[in-house]
Amino acid sequence: MTIETSNSVNDIAGYFLISKRWTMDNDKNITFVREKSLGYCYNLKWAGPIDKSEIEKLNKNKETTVAVSYAILKPFLVFEKNEFVVPNTSEVRKKIGLDTDTLKYAN
């Protein structure tokens, strides 16, 4: 996946919307909201990137979603099964602002 970045400091290629509701404590990867809110996915490519003005419109319900920049996600990206994913680890959850205590546990 190629994401172009701007020349200005901290101006990155875009944002991704993470689902607090569908990221489960014991999931292997972080769950993203797909582009145009067409469901949920683990694959970063299906989730964006989304520009800043659009992410502000989409991230109205901060109780169920969190907007995260590509720059924050980039160090954690893993390429597996032909997809870019973000592992669901305590380090990642802390960095992106997910409260582990509020995450549900999948059966």
Protein backbone atom coordinates (compact mmCIF):
# COMPACT_ATOMS: atom_id res chain seq x y z
CA MET A 1 0.00 0.00 0.00
CA THR A 2 1.46 3.34 -0.98
CA ILE A 3 0.36 6.42 0.87
CA GLU A 4 1.74 9.74 -0.22
CA THR A 5 2.72 12.19 2.48
CA SER A 6 2.92 15.95 2.37
CA ASN A 7 6.13 17.90 2.87
CA SER A 8 4.86 19.85 5.90
CA VAL A 9 5.70 18.56 9.38
CA ASN A 10 3.01 16.26 10.83
CA ASP A 11 0.82 16.70 7.75
CA ILE A 12 0.12 13.10 6.84
CA ALA A 13 -1.78 11.31 4.11
CA GLY A 14 -4.99 10.98 6.03
CA TYR A 15 -6.92 9.46 8.87
CA PHE A 16 -8.62 6.19 9.69
CA LEU A 17 -11.71 5.63 11.77
CA ILE A 18 -11.41 2.87 14.37
CA SER A 19 -14.46 1.14 15.79
CA LYS A 20 -14.49 1.00 19.59
CA ARG A 21 -17.66 -1.07 19.41
CA TRP A 22 -16.30 -3.81 17.11
CA THR A 23 -12.67 -3.96 18.25
CA MET A 24 -12.80 -6.77 20.77
CA ASP A 25 -10.26 -7.20 23.53
CA ASN A 26 -9.21 -10.61 22.21
CA ASP A 27 -9.30 -9.83 18.46
CA LYS A 28 -6.04 -10.33 16.61
CA ASN A 29 -6.31 -6.94 14.84
CA ILE A 30 -7.86 -3.51 15.34
CA THR A 31 -11.25 -3.07 13.62
CA PHE A 32 -11.67 -0.11 11.27
CA VAL A 33 -14.80 1.50 9.86
CA ARG A 34 -14.71 1.00 6.09
CA GLU A 35 -14.66 3.99 3.75
CA LYS A 36 -18.08 5.62 3.36
CA SER A 37 -19.14 3.69 6.48
CA LEU A 38 -19.74 0.53 4.44
CA GLY A 39 -19.19 -1.84 7.35
CA TYR A 40 -16.09 -2.85 9.26
CA CYS A 41 -12.73 -4.34 8.36
CA TYR A 42 -9.22 -5.13 9.55
CA ASN A 43 -7.63 -4.22 6.19
CA LEU A 44 -6.29 -0.67 6.34
CA LYS A 45 -6.63 -0.27 2.59
CA TRP A 46 -10.42 -0.71 2.79
CA ALA A 47 -10.64 1.84 5.59
CA GLY A 48 -9.08 4.85 3.93
CA PRO A 49 -7.21 7.05 4.15
CA ILE A 50 -9.81 9.74 4.76
CA ASP A 51 -8.99 13.45 4.64
CA LYS A 52 -9.27 15.62 7.75
CA SER A 53 -12.53 17.38 6.84
CA GLU A 54 -14.27 14.09 6.04
CA ILE A 55 -13.01 12.34 9.18
CA GLU A 56 -14.40 15.19 11.30
CA LYS A 57 -17.85 14.62 9.74
CA LEU A 58 -17.66 10.84 10.21
CA ASN A 59 -16.30 10.89 13.76
CA LYS A 60 -19.37 12.45 15.37
CA ASN A 61 -20.01 9.58 17.79
CA LYS A 62 -16.78 9.55 19.76
CA GLU A 63 -18.18 6.91 22.10
CA THR A 64 -18.08 4.26 19.35
CA THR A 65 -15.28 5.51 17.08
CA VAL A 66 -11.89 7.16 17.27
CA ALA A 67 -10.10 8.97 14.44
CA VAL A 68 -6.40 8.16 14.15
CA SER A 69 -3.82 9.57 11.76
CA TYR A 70 -1.78 7.40 9.45
CA ALA A 71 1.36 8.74 11.14
CA ILE A 72 0.30 7.13 14.44
CA LEU A 73 -0.63 3.82 12.81
CA LYS A 74 2.38 3.52 10.50
CA PRO A 75 4.88 2.07 13.04
CA PHE A 76 2.44 -0.73 13.89
CA LEU A 77 1.42 -1.82 10.38
CA VAL A 78 1.80 -5.49 9.56
CA PHE A 79 1.45 -7.03 6.11
CA GLU A 80 -0.28 -10.40 6.31
CA LYS A 81 -2.45 -12.35 3.89
CA ASN A 82 -2.01 -9.58 1.32
CA GLU A 83 -3.47 -6.93 3.66
CA PHE A 84 -2.13 -4.18 5.89
CA VAL A 85 -3.49 -4.61 9.42
CA VAL A 86 -2.81 -3.13 12.84
CA PRO A 87 -2.28 -5.72 15.60
CA ASN A 88 -4.56 -5.44 18.62
CA THR A 89 -1.94 -5.15 21.34
CA SER A 90 -1.94 -3.17 24.57
CA GLU A 91 0.77 -0.90 23.13
CA VAL A 92 -1.32 -0.11 20.03
CA ARG A 93 -4.53 0.40 22.04
CA LYS A 94 -2.74 2.84 24.35
CA LYS A 95 -1.21 4.78 21.45
CA ILE A 96 -4.52 5.17 19.58
CA GLY A 97 -6.59 5.93 22.67
CA LEU A 98 -8.62 2.75 23.11
CA ASP A 99 -9.47 2.01 26.74
CA THR A 100 -8.88 -1.70 27.23
CA ASP A 101 -11.28 -1.77 30.19
CA THR A 102 -14.20 -0.79 27.94
CA LEU A 103 -13.52 -3.28 25.15
CA LYS A 104 -15.80 -6.28 24.90
CA TYR A 105 -14.50 -9.83 24.77
CA ALA A 106 -15.42 -11.90 21.69
CA ASN A 107 -16.75 -15.40 22.24
